[in-house]
């Protein structure tokens, strides 16, 4: 999503753009999310601080978090920085920069949805956090009130009866729900990226298959190998999501990056949910998709190349069956992908500190699908030296140099 939207915005500003990917657009990280354009996500996910939650995660209880020892070892430095940045004061600073991006998410998607003819993929009716206990529901409602007052994020609290009426597929009574009114749901996330890519091609862009690992400086510019031969350019932009760290390390950069892996599985549910729901106290999402009801998991801390582990998905499936009749999973292996995260919870967007003509646009964590269009616009504005939509200073790569 991020790379495709950046290509579109650069193209819109008169650049001759070649979009190079090892697979078709929308077939990697952007394929496997919950399909949400999250206008309500004005605060980045902080490192959990509740002792009970941390103990359960360490002991492998619950479905929210799973970890591999090798993954924790590899990410230890970045995770420690993430923990420190999740203290209230630095997290508030991160939320200030994060919320400014999120504020433009739906507006920027709206322009591309209209231009690409993708209205059939998008429902603009929001989605729900659902709560099993009154205590969690009340706490979340208080937070929602703060977000509405401070940032204009609209939501509606629903009690047990209102939730049951809104979502009759729920098979047990719950304490209540928060209906986030301004977020959108996409019934095929990969297809939305493909529509945007088709728009890029229709406007004259070139889409080639290649490997970013072949990127190298070539005279005063850059080159990359593709199946159609070498492509040379005066400038290059890396929007590699969870694979960014490996490549920028070859260029001498050591940023505090890490990944959170996640899984999804589709089910032939006999009764569909009307809107996506997040089981807020258990950490998974159920989202109605074209291919069935999609169950997406929380965070797994593991190396990006580690074999899939079904532990977290199995736990989430058992919890989801308490709420809805999932039916049988589709006869296909679960999808596995990775979210690209930074220790300070802000994306990396701007010029590479030590390489002329090289630009970075990655590290959008859980919200790459949401932020793709606004991130693409902001980066293109930086490249073209035009007045930016918002101050890019909090996201510049130089903060880690």
Protein backbone atom coordinates (compact mmCIF):
# COMPACT_ATOMS: atom_id res chain seq x y z
CA UNK A 1 0.00 0.00 0.00
CA UNK A 2 2.70 2.50 0.98
CA UNK A 3 4.87 1.90 -2.07
CA UNK A 4 1.99 1.97 -4.54
CA UNK A 5 0.54 5.18 -3.10
CA UNK A 6 3.95 6.84 -3.10
CA UNK A 7 4.39 5.93 -6.77
CA UNK A 8 0.98 7.45 -7.56
CA UNK A 9 1.74 10.71 -5.78
CA UNK A 10 5.18 11.06 -7.38
CA UNK A 11 3.62 10.38 -10.77
CA UNK A 12 0.98 13.03 -10.09
CA UNK A 13 3.78 15.54 -9.57
CA UNK A 14 5.35 14.88 -12.96
CA UNK A 15 7.98 12.28 -12.11
CA UNK A 16 8.64 9.34 -14.42
CA UNK A 17 8.09 6.50 -11.95
CA UNK A 18 8.96 2.80 -12.16
CA UNK A 19 7.38 0.69 -9.40
CA UNK A 20 9.51 -2.40 -8.74
CA UNK A 21 8.28 -5.28 -6.58
CA UNK A 22 9.12 -8.96 -6.30
CA UNK A 23 5.40 -9.81 -6.38
CA UNK A 24 2.27 -8.13 -7.66
CA UNK A 25 1.12 -5.12 -5.60
CA UNK A 26 -1.02 -6.05 -2.62
CA UNK A 27 0.38 -9.57 -2.25
CA UNK A 28 2.63 -9.05 0.77
CA UNK A 29 1.93 -7.28 4.08
CA UNK A 30 -0.98 -5.29 2.65
CA UNK A 31 -2.81 -8.52 1.81
CA UNK A 32 -3.13 -9.87 5.31
CA UNK A 33 -4.50 -7.13 7.53
CA UNK A 34 -8.01 -6.69 8.89
CA UNK A 35 -8.94 -4.42 5.98
CA UNK A 36 -9.52 -1.37 8.16
CA UNK A 37 -8.79 2.24 7.28
CA UNK A 38 -8.57 3.30 10.90
CA UNK A 39 -9.44 6.94 11.33
CA UNK A 40 -9.77 6.28 15.06
CA UNK A 41 -6.16 5.02 15.42
CA UNK A 42 -4.77 8.37 16.54
CA UNK A 43 -2.54 6.81 19.20
CA UNK A 44 0.15 4.28 18.26
CA UNK A 45 0.24 0.93 20.02
CA UNK A 46 2.40 1.30 23.13
CA UNK A 47 4.39 -1.48 24.76
CA UNK A 48 1.99 -3.04 27.32
CA UNK A 49 2.81 -1.99 30.87
CA UNK A 50 0.28 -3.90 32.99
CA UNK A 51 2.15 -6.47 35.14
CA UNK A 52 -0.57 -9.09 34.71
CA UNK A 53 -0.53 -8.76 30.92
CA UNK A 54 3.27 -8.99 30.80
CA UNK A 55 3.28 -12.06 33.03
CA UNK A 56 0.67 -13.80 30.88
CA UNK A 57 2.63 -12.94 27.72
CA UNK A 58 5.87 -14.23 29.23
CA UNK A 59 4.20 -17.50 30.22
CA UNK A 60 2.51 -17.92 26.83
CA UNK A 61 -1.01 -17.38 28.11
CA UNK A 62 -3.66 -15.61 26.10
CA UNK A 63 -3.88 -14.91 22.38
CA UNK A 64 -2.67 -11.31 22.23
CA UNK A 65 1.08 -12.01 22.14
CA UNK A 66 3.28 -14.91 21.15
CA UNK A 67 7.07 -14.92 21.02
CA UNK A 68 10.09 -16.86 19.83
CA UNK A 69 13.24 -16.77 21.94
CA UNK A 70 15.39 -16.06 18.86
CA UNK A 71 13.09 -13.22 17.89
CA UNK A 72 13.30 -11.58 21.32
CA UNK A 73 17.08 -11.95 21.26
CA UNK A 74 17.40 -10.35 17.84
CA UNK A 75 15.02 -7.50 18.68
CA UNK A 76 16.11 -6.94 22.28
CA UNK A 77 17.65 -3.50 21.76
CA UNK A 78 14.76 -2.16 19.71
CA UNK A 79 12.16 -3.65 22.07
CA UNK A 80 13.87 -2.04 25.06
CA UNK A 81 13.77 1.32 23.28
CA UNK A 82 10.12 0.67 22.41
CA UNK A 83 9.39 0.01 26.07
CA UNK A 84 11.08 3.26 27.14
CA UNK A 85 9.28 5.25 24.44
CA UNK A 86 5.98 3.86 25.70
CA UNK A 87 6.24 5.78 28.97
CA UNK A 88 3.40 8.34 29.09
CA UNK A 89 5.43 11.43 28.15
CA UNK A 90 7.27 10.08 25.07
CA UNK A 91 4.16 8.18 24.01
CA UNK A 92 2.17 11.43 24.11
CA UNK A 93 4.75 13.02 21.80
CA UNK A 94 4.52 10.07 19.44
CA UNK A 95 0.73 10.27 19.47
CA UNK A 96 0.91 13.94 18.50
CA UNK A 97 2.87 13.10 15.34
CA UNK A 98 0.85 9.98 14.66
CA UNK A 99 -2.53 11.66 14.98
CA UNK A 100 -1.58 14.32 12.43
CA UNK A 101 -1.09 11.60 9.82
CA UNK A 102 -4.20 9.67 10.79
CA UNK A 103 -6.29 12.84 10.51
CA UNK A 104 -5.80 12.76 6.72
CA UNK A 105 -6.12 9.00 6.20
CA UNK A 106 -9.70 8.73 4.98
CA UNK A 107 -9.57 11.93 2.93
CA UNK A 108 -6.49 10.76 1.03
CA UNK A 109 -7.90 7.24 0.53
CA UNK A 110 -11.15 8.77 -0.70
CA UNK A 111 -9.40 10.49 -3.60
CA UNK A 112 -7.70 7.28 -4.73
CA UNK A 113 -10.79 5.13 -4.21
CA UNK A 114 -12.76 7.44 -6.50
CA UNK A 115 -10.00 7.68 -9.11
CA UNK A 116 -9.45 3.90 -9.19
CA UNK A 117 -13.14 2.96 -9.18
CA UNK A 118 -12.79 0.96 -5.97
CA UNK A 119 -16.00 2.02 -4.24
CA UNK A 120 -17.29 -1.57 -4.33
CA UNK A 121 -14.51 -2.66 -1.97
CA UNK A 122 -15.15 -0.11 0.77
CA UNK A 123 -17.85 0.22 3.45
CA UNK A 124 -17.90 3.53 5.32
CA UNK A 125 -19.90 2.50 8.36
CA UNK A 126 -17.14 2.11 10.92
CA UNK A 127 -16.27 -0.93 13.03
CA UNK A 128 -16.53 -2.00 16.66
CA UNK A 129 -14.42 -2.73 19.69
CA UNK A 130 -16.46 -5.26 21.70
CA UNK A 131 -15.97 -5.86 25.41
CA UNK A 132 -16.59 -8.89 27.59
CA UNK A 133 -16.45 -7.07 30.96
CA UNK A 134 -18.09 -3.88 32.17
CA UNK A 135 -14.81 -2.65 33.66
CA UNK A 136 -12.99 -2.76 30.31
CA UNK A 137 -15.99 -1.24 28.52
CA UNK A 138 -16.19 1.69 30.95
CA UNK A 139 -12.45 2.36 30.71
CA UNK A 140 -12.57 2.32 26.91
CA UNK A 141 -15.59 4.63 26.85
CA UNK A 142 -13.69 7.15 28.96
CA UNK A 143 -10.76 7.02 26.54
CA UNK A 144 -13.13 7.47 23.60
CA UNK A 145 -14.54 10.60 25.25
CA UNK A 146 -11.01 12.00 25.58
CA UNK A 147 -10.25 11.30 21.92
CA UNK A 148 -13.48 12.96 20.85
CA UNK A 149 -12.70 16.05 22.91
CA UNK A 150 -9.04 16.35 21.93
CA UNK A 151 -8.98 15.09 18.36
CA UNK A 152 -12.56 14.97 17.11
CA UNK A 153 -12.64 11.17 16.80
CA UNK A 154 -16.30 10.18 16.66
CA UNK A 155 -17.62 7.06 18.41
CA UNK A 156 -20.81 5.72 19.89
CA UNK A 157 -21.04 3.59 23.01
CA UNK A 158 -23.49 0.67 22.76
CA UNK A 159 -24.83 -1.32 25.66
CA UNK A 160 -25.52 -5.06 25.67
CA UNK A 161 -28.92 -4.80 23.99
CA UNK A 162 -27.83 -2.24 21.41
CA UNK A 163 -24.84 -4.37 20.44
CA UNK A 164 -26.98 -7.50 20.14
CA UNK A 165 -29.35 -5.65 17.84
CA UNK A 166 -26.53 -4.20 15.73
CA UNK A 167 -24.68 -7.53 15.42
CA UNK A 168 -27.16 -10.43 15.66
CA UNK A 169 -24.42 -12.89 14.64
CA UNK A 170 -22.88 -12.56 18.12
CA UNK A 171 -23.95 -15.68 19.96
CA UNK A 172 -23.40 -14.47 23.56
CA UNK A 173 -24.34 -11.23 25.34
CA UNK A 174 -21.37 -8.89 25.83
CA UNK A 175 -20.84 -5.94 28.16
CA UNK A 176 -20.98 -3.45 25.30
CA UNK A 177 -19.15 -1.98 22.34
CA UNK A 178 -17.55 1.17 21.01
CA UNK A 179 -18.63 1.85 17.46
CA UNK A 180 -15.93 3.94 15.77
CA UNK A 181 -17.96 5.91 13.25
CA UNK A 182 -15.32 7.42 10.96
CA UNK A 183 -13.27 4.33 10.10
CA UNK A 184 -13.82 2.32 6.93
CA UNK A 185 -13.78 -1.41 6.19
CA UNK A 186 -12.35 -2.96 3.01
CA UNK A 187 -13.63 -6.38 1.99
CA UNK A 188 -10.48 -7.32 0.04
CA UNK A 189 -7.38 -5.36 1.14
CA UNK A 190 -5.10 -6.82 -1.51
CA UNK A 191 -7.61 -5.90 -4.22
CA UNK A 192 -7.65 -2.26 -3.10
CA UNK A 193 -3.87 -2.06 -3.51
CA UNK A 194 -4.24 -3.70 -6.93
CA UNK A 195 -6.82 -1.09 -7.98
CA UNK A 196 -4.43 1.67 -6.96
CA UNK A 197 -1.62 -0.03 -8.91
CA UNK A 198 -3.86 -0.33 -11.99
CA UNK A 199 -4.54 3.40 -11.72
CA UNK A 200 -0.78 4.01 -11.64
CA UNK A 201 -0.30 1.95 -14.81
CA UNK A 202 -3.29 3.56 -16.52
CA UNK A 203 -1.69 6.94 -15.93
CA UNK A 204 1.51 5.83 -17.66
CA UNK A 205 3.51 4.29 -14.84
CA UNK A 206 5.62 1.18 -15.28
CA UNK A 207 5.24 -1.81 -12.97
CA UNK A 208 8.19 -4.25 -13.08
CA UNK A 209 9.21 -7.37 -11.20
CA UNK A 210 12.52 -7.18 -9.40
CA UNK A 211 14.33 -7.48 -6.08
CA UNK A 212 15.16 -4.40 -4.04
CA UNK A 213 18.24 -6.20 -2.71
CA UNK A 214 19.86 -5.48 -6.08
CA UNK A 215 19.67 -1.72 -5.48
CA UNK A 216 23.03 0.03 -5.78
CA UNK A 217 24.48 3.43 -6.45
CA UNK A 218 25.24 3.98 -10.13
CA UNK A 219 27.22 7.14 -10.78
CA UNK A 220 25.17 10.05 -9.49
CA UNK A 221 22.01 7.93 -9.33
CA UNK A 222 20.71 4.46 -8.51
CA UNK A 223 20.04 1.21 -10.31
CA UNK A 224 18.01 -1.93 -9.65
CA UNK A 225 17.74 -5.21 -11.54
CA UNK A 226 14.37 -6.34 -12.88
CA UNK A 227 13.18 -9.20 -15.05
CA UNK A 228 13.26 -6.74 -17.94
CA UNK A 229 16.82 -5.63 -17.27
CA UNK A 230 18.50 -2.92 -15.23
CA UNK A 231 16.57 0.25 -14.41
CA UNK A 232 18.55 3.44 -13.76
CA UNK A 233 17.15 6.49 -12.01
CA UNK A 234 18.36 9.73 -10.55
CA UNK A 235 16.45 8.97 -7.33
CA UNK A 236 15.26 5.82 -5.57
CA UNK A 237 12.71 5.31 -2.84
CA UNK A 238 12.51 2.34 -0.47
CA UNK A 239 9.04 1.36 0.75
CA UNK A 240 9.94 -2.14 1.87
CA UNK A 241 7.84 -2.51 4.98
CA UNK A 242 9.21 -5.30 7.20
CA UNK A 243 12.11 -5.98 4.81
CA UNK A 244 13.52 -2.44 5.04
CA UNK A 245 15.95 -3.19 7.86
CA UNK A 246 17.90 -5.84 5.94
CA UNK A 247 18.53 -3.53 2.99
CA UNK A 248 19.33 -0.33 4.85
CA UNK A 249 21.85 -2.24 6.97
CA UNK A 250 23.83 -2.96 3.80
CA UNK A 251 23.96 0.83 3.35
CA UNK A 252 25.29 1.37 6.86
CA UNK A 253 22.09 2.38 8.70
CA UNK A 254 21.22 0.96 12.11
CA UNK A 255 17.72 2.10 12.97
CA UNK A 256 15.74 0.71 15.94
CA UNK A 257 13.39 -1.36 13.80
CA UNK A 258 11.58 -4.58 14.63
CA UNK A 259 8.63 -6.59 13.37
CA UNK A 260 5.41 -7.96 14.76
CA UNK A 261 4.23 -10.96 12.81
CA UNK A 262 0.55 -11.77 12.39
CA UNK A 263 -1.72 -14.46 10.92
CA UNK A 264 -5.10 -14.62 9.28
CA UNK A 265 -7.49 -17.40 8.33
CA UNK A 266 -10.81 -17.29 6.45
CA UNK A 267 -13.88 -19.22 7.60
CA UNK A 268 -17.14 -20.26 5.95
CA UNK A 269 -19.24 -18.66 8.68
CA UNK A 270 -22.96 -19.49 8.24
CA UNK A 271 -23.92 -16.05 9.58
CA UNK A 272 -21.79 -13.01 8.77
CA UNK A 273 -20.96 -10.05 10.94
CA UNK A 274 -22.26 -6.76 9.57
CA UNK A 275 -19.04 -4.92 10.42
CA UNK A 276 -15.57 -5.89 11.65
CA UNK A 277 -15.17 -6.35 15.39
CA UNK A 278 -12.12 -6.27 17.61
CA UNK A 279 -12.42 -8.48 20.68
CA UNK A 280 -10.70 -5.78 22.72
CA UNK A 281 -9.88 -7.92 25.76
CA UNK A 282 -8.54 -10.83 23.73
CA UNK A 283 -6.63 -9.11 20.93
CA UNK A 284 -7.94 -10.42 17.61
CA UNK A 285 -10.21 -9.07 14.86
CA UNK A 286 -13.06 -10.69 12.94
CA UNK A 287 -13.78 -9.00 9.62
CA UNK A 288 -16.31 -9.93 6.90
CA UNK A 289 -14.44 -10.30 3.60
CA UNK A 290 -15.31 -11.36 0.07
CA UNK A 291 -13.72 -14.74 0.77
CA UNK A 292 -15.44 -15.33 4.11
CA UNK A 293 -15.02 -14.22 7.70
CA UNK A 294 -11.38 -13.30 8.30
CA UNK A 295 -9.80 -13.89 11.70
CA UNK A 296 -6.61 -11.87 12.25
CA UNK A 297 -4.29 -12.33 15.21
CA UNK A 298 -2.34 -10.05 17.52
CA UNK A 299 1.46 -9.75 17.62
CA UNK A 300 4.05 -12.50 17.32
CA UNK A 301 7.65 -11.52 18.06
CA UNK A 302 9.68 -13.79 15.83
CA UNK A 303 12.31 -13.49 13.09
CA UNK A 304 10.73 -12.63 9.77
CA UNK A 305 11.97 -15.89 8.24
CA UNK A 306 10.94 -18.15 11.15
CA UNK A 307 8.58 -21.02 10.25
CA UNK A 308 4.89 -20.39 10.97
CA UNK A 309 3.69 -21.32 14.44
CA UNK A 310 -0.04 -22.05 14.75
CA UNK A 311 -0.20 -21.37 18.51
CA UNK A 312 -1.61 -17.85 18.40
CA UNK A 313 -4.09 -18.52 15.61
CA UNK A 314 -5.42 -21.60 17.41
CA UNK A 315 -5.98 -19.60 20.61
CA UNK A 316 -7.70 -16.76 18.74
CA UNK A 317 -9.90 -19.23 16.88
CA UNK A 318 -11.09 -20.81 20.12
CA UNK A 319 -11.90 -17.40 21.57
CA UNK A 320 -13.68 -16.27 18.41
CA UNK A 321 -15.88 -19.37 18.41
CA UNK A 322 -17.20 -18.22 21.78
CA UNK A 323 -18.59 -15.10 20.08
CA UNK A 324 -19.66 -16.26 16.61
CA UNK A 325 -20.27 -19.43 14.64
CA UNK A 326 -17.10 -19.45 12.54
CA UNK A 327 -17.93 -22.54 10.56
CA UNK A 328 -15.08 -24.37 8.87
CA UNK A 329 -11.83 -22.73 7.77
CA UNK A 330 -11.27 -22.51 4.04
CA UNK A 331 -9.04 -25.33 2.76
CA UNK A 332 -5.86 -23.26 2.61
CA UNK A 333 -2.94 -22.64 4.97
CA UNK A 334 -3.15 -19.62 7.26
CA UNK A 335 -1.60 -16.44 5.91
CA UNK A 336 1.48 -15.09 7.71
CA UNK A 337 2.93 -11.59 7.41
CA UNK A 338 4.88 -8.99 9.37
CA UNK A 339 4.22 -5.45 10.54
CA UNK A 340 7.18 -3.03 10.23
CA UNK A 341 7.67 -1.17 13.51
CA UNK A 342 9.96 1.51 14.93
CA UNK A 343 10.99 1.92 18.55
CA UNK A 344 9.56 5.45 18.73
CA UNK A 345 6.28 4.34 17.07
CA UNK A 346 6.56 6.85 14.20
CA UNK A 347 7.19 5.94 10.55
CA UNK A 348 10.47 6.65 8.76
CA UNK A 349 9.73 9.09 5.93
CA UNK A 350 12.18 11.37 4.19
CA UNK A 351 15.69 11.57 2.68
CA UNK A 352 18.33 9.01 3.63
CA UNK A 353 20.80 10.90 5.83
CA UNK A 354 23.98 9.81 4.03
CA UNK A 355 22.92 8.93 0.47
CA UNK A 356 21.98 11.55 -2.09
CA UNK A 357 18.87 10.74 -4.09
CA UNK A 358 17.68 7.97 -1.73
CA UNK A 359 14.39 8.24 0.15
CA UNK A 360 12.76 6.11 2.84
CA UNK A 361 9.06 5.43 3.45
CA UNK A 362 8.56 2.52 5.87
CA UNK A 363 7.95 1.69 9.53
CA UNK A 364 4.19 2.34 9.60
CA UNK A 365 3.63 -0.55 12.03
CA UNK A 366 -0.04 -1.57 12.30
CA UNK A 367 -1.24 1.26 10.05
CA UNK A 368 0.53 0.94 6.70
CA UNK A 369 -2.77 0.08 5.02
CA UNK A 370 -4.43 3.10 6.64
CA UNK A 371 -1.59 5.55 6.09
CA UNK A 372 -0.46 4.56 2.58
CA UNK A 373 -2.08 7.47 0.68
CA UNK A 374 -1.15 10.22 3.16
CA UNK A 375 2.37 8.80 3.59
CA UNK A 376 2.74 8.67 -0.19
CA UNK A 377 1.58 12.25 -0.52
CA UNK A 378 3.87 13.59 2.20
CA UNK A 379 6.90 11.78 0.75
CA UNK A 380 6.15 13.00 -2.78
CA UNK A 381 5.84 16.55 -1.46
CA UNK A 382 9.26 16.22 0.13
CA UNK A 383 10.83 14.87 -3.07
CA UNK A 384 9.29 17.63 -5.17
CA UNK A 385 10.21 20.31 -2.58
CA UNK A 386 6.65 21.64 -2.42
CA UNK A 387 4.89 22.88 0.69
CA UNK A 388 4.00 19.72 2.64
CA UNK A 389 0.54 18.79 3.89
CA UNK A 390 1.99 18.73 7.41
CA UNK A 391 5.37 19.14 9.07
CA UNK A 392 7.48 16.07 8.17
CA UNK A 393 10.10 16.69 10.88
CA UNK A 394 8.87 14.01 13.35
CA UNK A 395 9.19 11.27 10.70
CA UNK A 396 12.55 12.12 9.12
CA UNK A 397 15.16 9.31 9.06
CA UNK A 398 17.78 11.73 10.40
CA UNK A 399 16.33 11.33 13.90
CA UNK A 400 18.02 7.89 14.04
CA UNK A 401 21.27 8.84 12.31
